[in-house]
Amino acid sequence: MSAFAAEKVNHQVGFMVIHEKGGLISSGGELEYNEVLADLFYKMVKEGTDKGLLSLSDNEGGFKKLTVQFEDHFYVVAVSNKKIHVVKRKYYPTDPALA
């Protein structure tokens, strides 16, 4: 997911791309230059790869995407091409009773 593609995600308010070694490659919106959050997502993915739950390689098994949800926003974390792609999106519940 390039910066250009991330900008097209509906209700997206920020994005970041993290190198497989943990460095921030690109970012924008509310996540621009947020190295603390980039490090947190890197550690989550790294822990998942160490446990065999996630994979940084397209050829290995494991999850390729995870979602971290909060009350009014959520993060979609996807692993592709040995990079960690994070998009922050606004959360709009469809059922007010569930909000």
PDB file of N, CA and C in Angstrom:
ATOM      1  N   MET A   1       0.857  -1.158   0.000  1.00  0.00           N
ATOM      2  CA  MET A   1       0.000   0.000   0.000  1.00  0.00           C
ATOM      3  C   MET A   1       0.904   1.222   0.000  1.00  0.00           C
ATOM      4  N   SER A   2       0.969   1.915  -1.072  1.00  0.00           N
ATOM      5  CA  SER A   2       1.787   3.121  -1.133  1.00  0.00           C
ATOM      6  C   SER A   2       1.044   4.267  -0.469  1.00  0.00           C
ATOM      7  N   ALA A   3       1.740   5.363  -0.274  1.00  0.00           N
ATOM      8  CA  ALA A   3       1.098   6.540   0.306  1.00  0.00           C
ATOM      9  C   ALA A   3      -0.091   6.951  -0.546  1.00  0.00           C
ATOM     10  N   PHE A   4       0.044   6.851  -1.856  1.00  0.00           N
ATOM     11  CA  PHE A   4      -1.038   7.214  -2.766  1.00  0.00           C
ATOM     12  C   PHE A   4      -2.242   6.318  -2.557  1.00  0.00           C
ATOM     13  N   ALA A   5      -2.028   5.018  -2.455  1.00  0.00           N
ATOM     14  CA  ALA A   5      -3.128   4.079  -2.253  1.00  0.00           C
ATOM     15  C   ALA A   5      -3.765   4.271  -0.887  1.00  0.00           C
ATOM     16  N   ALA A   6      -2.983   4.534   0.147  1.00  0.00           N
ATOM     17  CA  ALA A   6      -3.522   4.719   1.490  1.00  0.00           C
ATOM     18  C   ALA A   6      -4.439   5.934   1.545  1.00  0.00           C
ATOM     19  N   GLU A   7      -4.131   6.955   0.770  1.00  0.00           N
ATOM     20  CA  GLU A   7      -4.957   8.156   0.774  1.00  0.00           C
ATOM     21  C   GLU A   7      -6.336   7.911   0.188  1.00  0.00           C
ATOM     22  N   LYS A   8      -6.535   6.814  -0.525  1.00  0.00           N
ATOM     23  CA  LYS A   8      -7.819   6.507  -1.139  1.00  0.00           C
ATOM     24  C   LYS A   8      -8.723   5.668  -0.236  1.00  0.00           C
ATOM     25  N   VAL A   9      -8.253   5.239   0.913  1.00  0.00           N
ATOM     26  CA  VAL A   9      -9.044   4.408   1.817  1.00  0.00           C
ATOM     27  C   VAL A   9     -10.146   5.267   2.431  1.00  0.00           C
ATOM     28  N   ASN A  10     -11.404   4.779   2.380  1.00  0.00           N
ATOM     29  CA  ASN A  10     -12.532   5.521   2.933  1.00  0.00           C
ATOM     30  C   ASN A  10     -12.337   5.805   4.413  1.00  0.00           C
ATOM     31  N   HIS A  11     -12.671   7.005   4.820  1.00  0.00           N
ATOM     32  CA  HIS A  11     -12.613   7.448   6.221  1.00  0.00           C
ATOM     33  C   HIS A  11     -11.211   7.363   6.807  1.00  0.00           C
ATOM     34  N   GLN A  12     -10.204   7.306   5.975  1.00  0.00           N
ATOM     35  CA  GLN A  12      -8.815   7.251   6.422  1.00  0.00           C
ATOM     36  C   GLN A  12      -8.407   8.615   6.941  1.00  0.00           C
ATOM     37  N   VAL A  13      -7.760   8.626   8.116  1.00  0.00           N
ATOM     38  CA  VAL A  13      -7.288   9.896   8.680  1.00  0.00           C
ATOM     39  C   VAL A  13      -5.775   9.901   8.863  1.00  0.00           C
ATOM     40  N   GLY A  14      -5.132   8.778   8.574  1.00  0.00           N
ATOM     41  CA  GLY A  14      -3.685   8.716   8.683  1.00  0.00           C
ATOM     42  C   GLY A  14      -3.159   7.384   8.188  1.00  0.00           C
ATOM     43  N   PHE A  15      -1.884   7.365   7.816  1.00  0.00           N
ATOM     44  CA  PHE A  15      -1.263   6.125   7.358  1.00  0.00           C
ATOM     45  C   PHE A  15       0.217   6.152   7.679  1.00  0.00           C
ATOM     46  N   MET A  16       0.817   4.966   7.702  1.00  0.00           N
ATOM     47  CA  MET A  16       2.272   4.853   7.814  1.00  0.00           C
ATOM     48  C   MET A  16       2.723   3.551   7.180  1.00  0.00           C
ATOM     49  N   VAL A  17       3.942   3.558   6.672  1.00  0.00           N
ATOM     50  CA  VAL A  17       4.581   2.364   6.139  1.00  0.00           C
ATOM     51  C   VAL A  17       5.870   2.181   6.925  1.00  0.00           C
ATOM     52  N   ILE A  18       6.042   0.977   7.483  1.00  0.00           N
ATOM     53  CA  ILE A  18       7.167   0.678   8.359  1.00  0.00           C
ATOM     54  C   ILE A  18       8.026  -0.400   7.709  1.00  0.00           C
ATOM     55  N   HIS A  19       9.326  -0.203   7.704  1.00  0.00           N
ATOM     56  CA  HIS A  19      10.285  -1.164   7.156  1.00  0.00           C
ATOM     57  C   HIS A  19      10.296  -2.423   8.018  1.00  0.00           C
ATOM     58  N   GLU A  20      10.647  -3.558   7.430  1.00  0.00           N
ATOM     59  CA  GLU A  20      10.694  -4.821   8.168  1.00  0.00           C
ATOM     60  C   GLU A  20      11.657  -4.782   9.354  1.00  0.00           C
ATOM     61  N   LYS A  21      12.592  -3.843   9.358  1.00  0.00           N
ATOM     62  CA  LYS A  21      13.534  -3.692  10.477  1.00  0.00           C
ATOM     63  C   LYS A  21      13.063  -2.649  11.486  1.00  0.00           C
ATOM     64  N   GLY A  22      11.921  -2.012  11.220  1.00  0.00           N
ATOM     65  CA  GLY A  22      11.331  -1.106  12.196  1.00  0.00           C
ATOM     66  C   GLY A  22      11.376   0.370  11.882  1.00  0.00           C
ATOM     67  N   GLY A  23      12.064   0.793  10.860  1.00  0.00           N
ATOM     68  CA  GLY A  23      12.142   2.221  10.539  1.00  0.00           C
ATOM     69  C   GLY A  23      10.906   2.711   9.804  1.00  0.00           C
ATOM     70  N   LEU A  24      10.525   3.933  10.058  1.00  0.00           N
ATOM     71  CA  LEU A  24       9.381   4.544   9.403  1.00  0.00           C
ATOM     72  C   LEU A  24       9.782   4.983   7.992  1.00  0.00           C
ATOM     73  N   ILE A  25       9.114   4.428   6.975  1.00  0.00           N
ATOM     74  CA  ILE A  25       9.421   4.735   5.578  1.00  0.00           C
ATOM     75  C   ILE A  25       8.648   5.962   5.111  1.00  0.00           C
ATOM     76  N   SER A  26       7.341   5.966   5.366  1.00  0.00           N
ATOM     77  CA  SER A  26       6.509   7.107   4.988  1.00  0.00           C
ATOM     78  C   SER A  26       5.309   7.174   5.914  1.00  0.00           C
ATOM     79  N   SER A  27       4.698   8.354   5.987  1.00  0.00           N
ATOM     80  CA  SER A  27       3.532   8.536   6.851  1.00  0.00           C
ATOM     81  C   SER A  27       2.787   9.783   6.414  1.00  0.00           C
ATOM     82  N   GLY A  28       1.549   9.903   6.881  1.00  0.00           N
ATOM     83  CA  GLY A  28       0.758  11.077   6.549  1.00  0.00           C
ATOM     84  C   GLY A  28      -0.454  11.193   7.443  1.00  0.00           C
ATOM     85  N   GLY A  29      -1.128  12.323   7.355  1.00  0.00           N
ATOM     86  CA  GLY A  29      -2.319  12.565   8.163  1.00  0.00           C
ATOM     87  C   GLY A  29      -2.001  12.571   9.646  1.00  0.00           C
ATOM     88  N   GLU A  30      -2.896  12.024  10.452  1.00  0.00           N
ATOM     89  CA  GLU A  30      -2.712  11.993  11.902  1.00  0.00           C
ATOM     90  C   GLU A  30      -1.537  11.124  12.340  1.00  0.00           C
ATOM     91  N   LEU A  31      -1.029  10.283  11.467  1.00  0.00           N
ATOM     92  CA  LEU A  31       0.093   9.409  11.819  1.00  0.00           C
ATOM     93  C   LEU A  31       1.430   9.939  11.304  1.00  0.00           C
ATOM     94  N   GLU A  32       1.424  11.111  10.712  1.00  0.00           N
ATOM     95  CA  GLU A  32       2.651  11.652  10.131  1.00  0.00           C
ATOM     96  C   GLU A  32       3.740  11.816  11.187  1.00  0.00           C
ATOM     97  N   TYR A  33       4.895  11.251  10.897  1.00  0.00           N
ATOM     98  CA  TYR A  33       6.087  11.316  11.759  1.00  0.00           C
ATOM     99  C   TYR A  33       5.869  10.748  13.161  1.00  0.00           C
ATOM    100  N   ASN A  34       4.862   9.895  13.348  1.00  0.00           N
ATOM    101  CA  ASN A  34       4.592   9.339  14.675  1.00  0.00           C
ATOM    102  C   ASN A  34       5.446   8.086  14.872  1.00  0.00           C
ATOM    103  N   GLU A  35       6.699   8.286  15.226  1.00  0.00           N
ATOM    104  CA  GLU A  35       7.642   7.176  15.379  1.00  0.00           C
ATOM    105  C   GLU A  35       7.327   6.319  16.600  1.00  0.00           C
ATOM    106  N   VAL A  36       6.707   6.906  17.619  1.00  0.00           N
ATOM    107  CA  VAL A  36       6.330   6.133  18.811  1.00  0.00           C
ATOM    108  C   VAL A  36       5.287   5.088  18.429  1.00  0.00           C
ATOM    109  N   LEU A  37       4.261   5.503  17.693  1.00  0.00           N
ATOM    110  CA  LEU A  37       3.227   4.565  17.260  1.00  0.00           C
ATOM    111  C   LEU A  37       3.784   3.573  16.246  1.00  0.00           C
ATOM    112  N   ALA A  38       4.676   4.023  15.370  1.00  0.00           N
ATOM    113  CA  ALA A  38       5.310   3.114  14.406  1.00  0.00           C
ATOM    114  C   ALA A  38       6.070   2.018  15.145  1.00  0.00           C
ATOM    115  N   ASP A  39       6.778   2.390  16.204  1.00  0.00           N
ATOM    116  CA  ASP A  39       7.522   1.415  16.996  1.00  0.00           C
ATOM    117  C   ASP A  39       6.579   0.431  17.679  1.00  0.00           C
ATOM    118  N   LEU A  40       5.444   0.925  18.169  1.00  0.00           N
ATOM    119  CA  LEU A  40       4.456   0.049  18.806  1.00  0.00           C
ATOM    120  C   LEU A  40       3.916  -0.980  17.813  1.00  0.00           C
ATOM    121  N   PHE A  41       3.522  -0.527  16.615  1.00  0.00           N
ATOM    122  CA  PHE A  41       3.008  -1.459  15.613  1.00  0.00           C
ATOM    123  C   PHE A  41       4.099  -2.424  15.155  1.00  0.00           C
ATOM    124  N   TYR A  42       5.315  -1.936  15.021  1.00  0.00           N
ATOM    125  CA  TYR A  42       6.422  -2.818  14.652  1.00  0.00           C
ATOM    126  C   TYR A  42       6.592  -3.917  15.698  1.00  0.00           C
ATOM    127  N   LYS A  43       6.560  -3.547  16.978  1.00  0.00           N
ATOM    128  CA  LYS A  43       6.719  -4.536  18.051  1.00  0.00           C
ATOM    129  C   LYS A  43       5.573  -5.540  18.061  1.00  0.00           C
ATOM    130  N   MET A  44       4.343  -5.082  17.769  1.00  0.00           N
ATOM    131  CA  MET A  44       3.204  -6.001  17.694  1.00  0.00           C
ATOM    132  C   MET A  44       3.423  -7.027  16.591  1.00  0.00           C
ATOM    133  N   VAL A  45       3.823  -6.551  15.415  1.00  0.00           N
ATOM    134  CA  VAL A  45       4.051  -7.457  14.289  1.00  0.00           C
ATOM    135  C   VAL A  45       5.246  -8.361  14.569  1.00  0.00           C
ATOM    136  N   LYS A  46       6.309  -7.805  15.129  1.00  0.00           N
ATOM    137  CA  LYS A  46       7.507  -8.596  15.448  1.00  0.00           C
ATOM    138  C   LYS A  46       7.164  -9.710  16.426  1.00  0.00           C
ATOM    139  N   GLU A  47       6.402  -9.394  17.464  1.00  0.00           N
ATOM    140  CA  GLU A  47       5.985 -10.414  18.438  1.00  0.00           C
ATOM    141  C   GLU A  47       5.149 -11.485  17.748  1.00  0.00           C
ATOM    142  N   GLY A  48       4.263 -11.055  16.849  1.00  0.00           N
ATOM    143  CA  GLY A  48       3.448 -12.010  16.105  1.00  0.00           C
ATOM    144  C   GLY A  48       4.272 -12.908  15.207  1.00  0.00           C
ATOM    145  N   THR A  49       5.311 -12.363  14.580  1.00  0.00           N
ATOM    146  CA  THR A  49       6.163 -13.192  13.724  1.00  0.00           C
ATOM    147  C   THR A  49       6.994 -14.149  14.562  1.00  0.00           C
ATOM    148  N   ASP A  50       7.456 -13.693  15.729  1.00  0.00           N
ATOM    149  CA  ASP A  50       8.225 -14.572  16.614  1.00  0.00           C
ATOM    150  C   ASP A  50       7.390 -15.757  17.090  1.00  0.00           C
ATOM    151  N   LYS A  51       6.082 -15.555  17.246  1.00  0.00           N
ATOM    152  CA  LYS A  51       5.176 -16.612  17.711  1.00  0.00           C
ATOM    153  C   LYS A  51       4.585 -17.418  16.556  1.00  0.00           C
ATOM    154  N   GLY A  52       4.903 -17.046  15.311  1.00  0.00           N
ATOM    155  CA  GLY A  52       4.380 -17.765  14.155  1.00  0.00           C
ATOM    156  C   GLY A  52       2.962 -17.370  13.773  1.00  0.00           C
ATOM    157  N   LEU A  53       2.443 -16.274  14.348  1.00  0.00           N
ATOM    158  CA  LEU A  53       1.086 -15.834  14.043  1.00  0.00           C
ATOM    159  C   LEU A  53       1.026 -14.918  12.829  1.00  0.00           C
ATOM    160  N   LEU A  54       2.090 -14.185  12.599  1.00  0.00           N
ATOM    161  CA  LEU A  54       2.187 -13.255  11.478  1.00  0.00           C
ATOM    162  C   LEU A  54       3.416 -13.584  10.661  1.00  0.00           C
ATOM    163  N   SER A  55       3.452 -13.078   9.449  1.00  0.00           N
ATOM    164  CA  SER A  55       4.609 -13.306   8.593  1.00  0.00           C
ATOM    165  C   SER A  55       4.935 -12.042   7.819  1.00  0.00           C
ATOM    166  N   LEU A  56       6.210 -11.702   7.754  1.00  0.00           N
ATOM    167  CA  LEU A  56       6.641 -10.578   6.923  1.00  0.00           C
ATOM    168  C   LEU A  56       6.893 -11.013   5.489  1.00  0.00           C
ATOM    169  N   SER A  57       6.857 -12.309   5.234  1.00  0.00           N
ATOM    170  CA  SER A  57       7.078 -12.840   3.894  1.00  0.00           C
ATOM    171  C   SER A  57       5.747 -13.223   3.269  1.00  0.00           C
ATOM    172  N   ASP A  58       5.572 -12.911   2.000  1.00  0.00           N
ATOM    173  CA  ASP A  58       4.345 -13.283   1.299  1.00  0.00           C
ATOM    174  C   ASP A  58       4.245 -14.786   1.090  1.00  0.00           C
ATOM    175  N   ASN A  59       5.348 -15.516   1.241  1.00  0.00           N
ATOM    176  CA  ASN A  59       5.362 -16.954   0.982  1.00  0.00           C
ATOM    177  C   ASN A  59       5.153 -17.798   2.233  1.00  0.00           C
ATOM    178  N   GLU A  60       5.185 -17.182   3.414  1.00  0.00           N
ATOM    179  CA  GLU A  60       5.030 -17.933   4.652  1.00  0.00           C
ATOM    180  C   GLU A  60       3.586 -17.864   5.127  1.00  0.00           C
ATOM    181  N   GLY A  61       3.240 -18.765   6.047  1.00  0.00           N
ATOM    182  CA  GLY A  61       1.901 -18.781   6.603  1.00  0.00           C
ATOM    183  C   GLY A  61       1.710 -17.687   7.631  1.00  0.00           C
ATOM    184  N   GLY A  62       0.531 -17.684   8.241  1.00  0.00           N
ATOM    185  CA  GLY A  62       0.232 -16.695   9.270  1.00  0.00           C
ATOM    186  C   GLY A  62      -0.671 -15.595   8.744  1.00  0.00           C
ATOM    187  N   PHE A  63      -1.182 -14.816   9.670  1.00  0.00           N
ATOM    188  CA  PHE A  63      -2.052 -13.711   9.308  1.00  0.00           C
ATOM    189  C   PHE A  63      -1.293 -12.653   8.525  1.00  0.00           C
ATOM    190  N   LYS A  64      -1.981 -11.998   7.624  1.00  0.00           N
ATOM    191  CA  LYS A  64      -1.387 -10.917   6.846  1.00  0.00           C
ATOM    192  C   LYS A  64      -1.975  -9.564   7.252  1.00  0.00           C
ATOM    193  N   LYS A  65      -3.060  -9.580   8.055  1.00  0.00           N
ATOM    194  CA  LYS A  65      -3.728  -8.337   8.415  1.00  0.00           C
ATOM    195  C   LYS A  65      -4.348  -8.474   9.796  1.00  0.00           C
ATOM    196  N   LEU A  66      -4.316  -7.376  10.567  1.00  0.00           N
ATOM    197  CA  LEU A  66      -5.017  -7.362  11.845  1.00  0.00           C
ATOM    198  C   LEU A  66      -5.631  -5.990  12.052  1.00  0.00           C
ATOM    199  N   THR A  67      -6.649  -5.933  12.902  1.00  0.00           N
ATOM    200  CA  THR A  67      -7.349  -4.693  13.196  1.00  0.00           C
ATOM    201  C   THR A  67      -7.305  -4.441  14.688  1.00  0.00           C
ATOM    202  N   VAL A  68      -7.011  -3.202  15.062  1.00  0.00           N
ATOM    203  CA  VAL A  68      -7.016  -2.780  16.459  1.00  0.00           C
ATOM    204  C   VAL A  68      -8.085  -1.697  16.560  1.00  0.00           C
ATOM    205  N   GLN A  69      -9.176  -1.998  17.299  1.00  0.00           N
ATOM    206  CA  GLN A  69     -10.331  -1.105  17.315  1.00  0.00           C
ATOM    207  C   GLN A  69     -10.477  -0.372  18.644  1.00  0.00           C
ATOM    208  N   PHE A  70     -10.802   0.907  18.534  1.00  0.00           N
ATOM    209  CA  PHE A  70     -11.115   1.759  19.671  1.00  0.00           C
ATOM    210  C   PHE A  70     -12.537   2.278  19.488  1.00  0.00           C
ATOM    211  N   GLU A  71     -13.004   3.096  20.422  1.00  0.00           N
ATOM    212  CA  GLU A  71     -14.384   3.563  20.380  1.00  0.00           C
ATOM    213  C   GLU A  71     -14.714   4.366  19.120  1.00  0.00           C
ATOM    214  N   ASP A  72     -13.820   5.251  18.700  1.00  0.00           N
ATOM    215  CA  ASP A  72     -14.143   6.124  17.573  1.00  0.00           C
ATOM    216  C   ASP A  72     -13.208   5.984  16.374  1.00  0.00           C
ATOM    217  N   HIS A  73     -12.256   5.074  16.449  1.00  0.00           N
ATOM    218  CA  HIS A  73     -11.344   4.849  15.327  1.00  0.00           C
ATOM    219  C   HIS A  73     -10.744   3.447  15.431  1.00  0.00           C
ATOM    220  N   PHE A  74     -10.112   3.029  14.353  1.00  0.00           N
ATOM    221  CA  PHE A  74      -9.415   1.744  14.380  1.00  0.00           C
ATOM    222  C   PHE A  74      -8.226   1.799  13.436  1.00  0.00           C
ATOM    223  N   TYR A  75      -7.299   0.885  13.669  1.00  0.00           N
ATOM    224  CA  TYR A  75      -6.107   0.763  12.842  1.00  0.00           C
ATOM    225  C   TYR A  75      -6.175  -0.558  12.094  1.00  0.00           C
ATOM    226  N   VAL A  76      -5.899  -0.528  10.820  1.00  0.00           N
ATOM    227  CA  VAL A  76      -5.746  -1.740  10.036  1.00  0.00           C
ATOM    228  C   VAL A  76      -4.255  -1.878   9.771  1.00  0.00           C
ATOM    229  N   VAL A  77      -3.703  -3.009  10.184  1.00  0.00           N
ATOM    230  CA  VAL A  77      -2.275  -3.275  10.031  1.00  0.00           C
ATOM    231  C   VAL A  77      -2.145  -4.438   9.061  1.00  0.00           C
ATOM    232  N   ALA A  78      -1.510  -4.202   7.930  1.00  0.00           N
ATOM    233  CA  ALA A  78      -1.332  -5.240   6.919  1.00  0.00           C
ATOM    234  C   ALA A  78       0.152  -5.408   6.631  1.00  0.00           C
ATOM    235  N   VAL A  79       0.537  -6.645   6.395  1.00  0.00           N
ATOM    236  CA  VAL A  79       1.924  -6.957   6.068  1.00  0.00           C
ATOM    237  C   VAL A  79       1.979  -7.365   4.603  1.00  0.00           C
ATOM    238  N   SER A  80       2.821  -6.684   3.842  1.00  0.00           N
ATOM    239  CA  SER A  80       2.965  -6.990   2.431  1.00  0.00           C
ATOM    240  C   SER A  80       4.339  -6.549   1.960  1.00  0.00           C
ATOM    241  N   ASN A  81       4.972  -7.401   1.167  1.00  0.00           N
ATOM    242  CA  ASN A  81       6.243  -7.042   0.544  1.00  0.00           C
ATOM    243  C   ASN A  81       7.305  -6.657   1.580  1.00  0.00           C
ATOM    244  N   LYS A  82       7.304  -7.376   2.706  1.00  0.00           N
ATOM    245  CA  LYS A  82       8.251  -7.148   3.806  1.00  0.00           C
ATOM    246  C   LYS A  82       8.134  -5.750   4.410  1.00  0.00           C
ATOM    247  N   LYS A  83       6.949  -5.165   4.297  1.00  0.00           N
ATOM    248  CA  LYS A  83       6.674  -3.869   4.908  1.00  0.00           C
ATOM    249  C   LYS A  83       5.395  -3.980   5.727  1.00  0.00           C
ATOM    250  N   ILE A  84       5.293  -3.132   6.736  1.00  0.00           N
ATOM    251  CA  ILE A  84       4.108  -3.082   7.588  1.00  0.00           C
ATOM    252  C   ILE A  84       3.347  -1.813   7.214  1.00  0.00           C
ATOM    253  N   HIS A  85       2.118  -1.981   6.771  1.00  0.00           N
ATOM    254  CA  HIS A  85       1.283  -0.863   6.345  1.00  0.00           C
ATOM    255  C   HIS A  85       0.207  -0.642   7.402  1.00  0.00           C
ATOM    256  N   VAL A  86       0.075   0.578   7.877  1.00  0.00           N
ATOM    257  CA  VAL A  86      -0.907   0.905   8.909  1.00  0.00           C
ATOM    258  C   VAL A  86      -1.787   2.034   8.386  1.00  0.00           C
ATOM    259  N   VAL A  87      -3.100   1.859   8.516  1.00  0.00           N
ATOM    260  CA  VAL A  87      -4.048   2.909   8.160  1.00  0.00           C
ATOM    261  C   VAL A  87      -4.936   3.156   9.373  1.00  0.00           C
ATOM    262  N   LYS A  88      -5.081   4.410   9.740  1.00  0.00           N
ATOM    263  CA  LYS A  88      -6.006   4.791  10.813  1.00  0.00           C
ATOM    264  C   LYS A  88      -7.285   5.276  10.156  1.00  0.00           C
ATOM    265  N   ARG A  89      -8.414   4.694  10.593  1.00  0.00           N
ATOM    266  CA  ARG A  89      -9.708   5.058  10.021  1.00  0.00           C
ATOM    267  C   ARG A  89     -10.670   5.454  11.128  1.00  0.00           C
ATOM    268  N   LYS A  90     -11.579   6.335  10.805  1.00  0.00           N
ATOM    269  CA  LYS A  90     -12.657   6.681  11.728  1.00  0.00           C
ATOM    270  C   LYS A  90     -13.615   5.505  11.806  1.00  0.00           C
ATOM    271  N   TYR A  91     -14.199   5.301  12.980  1.00  0.00           N
ATOM    272  CA  TYR A  91     -15.158   4.219  13.168  1.00  0.00           C
ATOM    273  C   TYR A  91     -16.551   4.813  13.240  1.00  0.00           C
ATOM    274  N   TYR A  92     -17.423   4.353  12.357  1.00  0.00           N
ATOM    275  CA  TYR A  92     -18.807   4.791  12.322  1.00  0.00           C
ATOM    276  C   TYR A  92     -19.691   3.565  12.513  1.00  0.00           C
ATOM    277  N   PRO A  93     -20.148   3.311  13.743  1.00  0.00           N
ATOM    278  CA  PRO A  93     -20.992   2.131  13.962  1.00  0.00           C
ATOM    279  C   PRO A  93     -22.294   2.244  13.166  1.00  0.00           C
ATOM    280  N   THR A  94     -22.724   1.128  12.607  1.00  0.00           N
ATOM    281  CA  THR A  94     -23.953   1.131  11.817  1.00  0.00           C
ATOM    282  C   THR A  94     -25.182   1.001  12.695  1.00  0.00           C
ATOM    283  N   ASP A  95     -25.033   0.402  13.865  1.00  0.00           N
ATOM    284  CA  ASP A  95     -26.146   0.225  14.786  1.00  0.00           C
ATOM    285  C   ASP A  95     -25.890   1.074  16.031  1.00  0.00           C
ATOM    286  N   PRO A  96     -26.685   2.150  16.246  1.00  0.00           N
ATOM    287  CA  PRO A  96     -26.447   3.015  17.402  1.00  0.00           C
ATOM    288  C   PRO A  96     -26.494   2.268  18.734  1.00  0.00           C
ATOM    289  N   ALA A  97     -27.222   1.163  18.813  1.00  0.00           N
ATOM    290  CA  ALA A  97     -27.299   0.393  20.054  1.00  0.00           C
ATOM    291  C   ALA A  97     -25.967  -0.262  20.380  1.00  0.00           C
ATOM    292  N   LEU A  98     -25.120  -0.469  19.377  1.00  0.00           N
ATOM    293  CA  LEU A  98     -23.824  -1.100  19.593  1.00  0.00           C
ATOM    294  C   LEU A  98     -22.743  -0.086  19.931  1.00  0.00           C
ATOM    295  N   ALA A  99     -23.009   1.179  19.745  1.00  0.00           N
ATOM    296  CA  ALA A  99     -21.988   2.217  19.959  1.00  0.00           C
ATOM    297  C   ALA A  99     -21.664   2.436  21.412  1.00  0.00           C
TER     298      ALA A  99
END
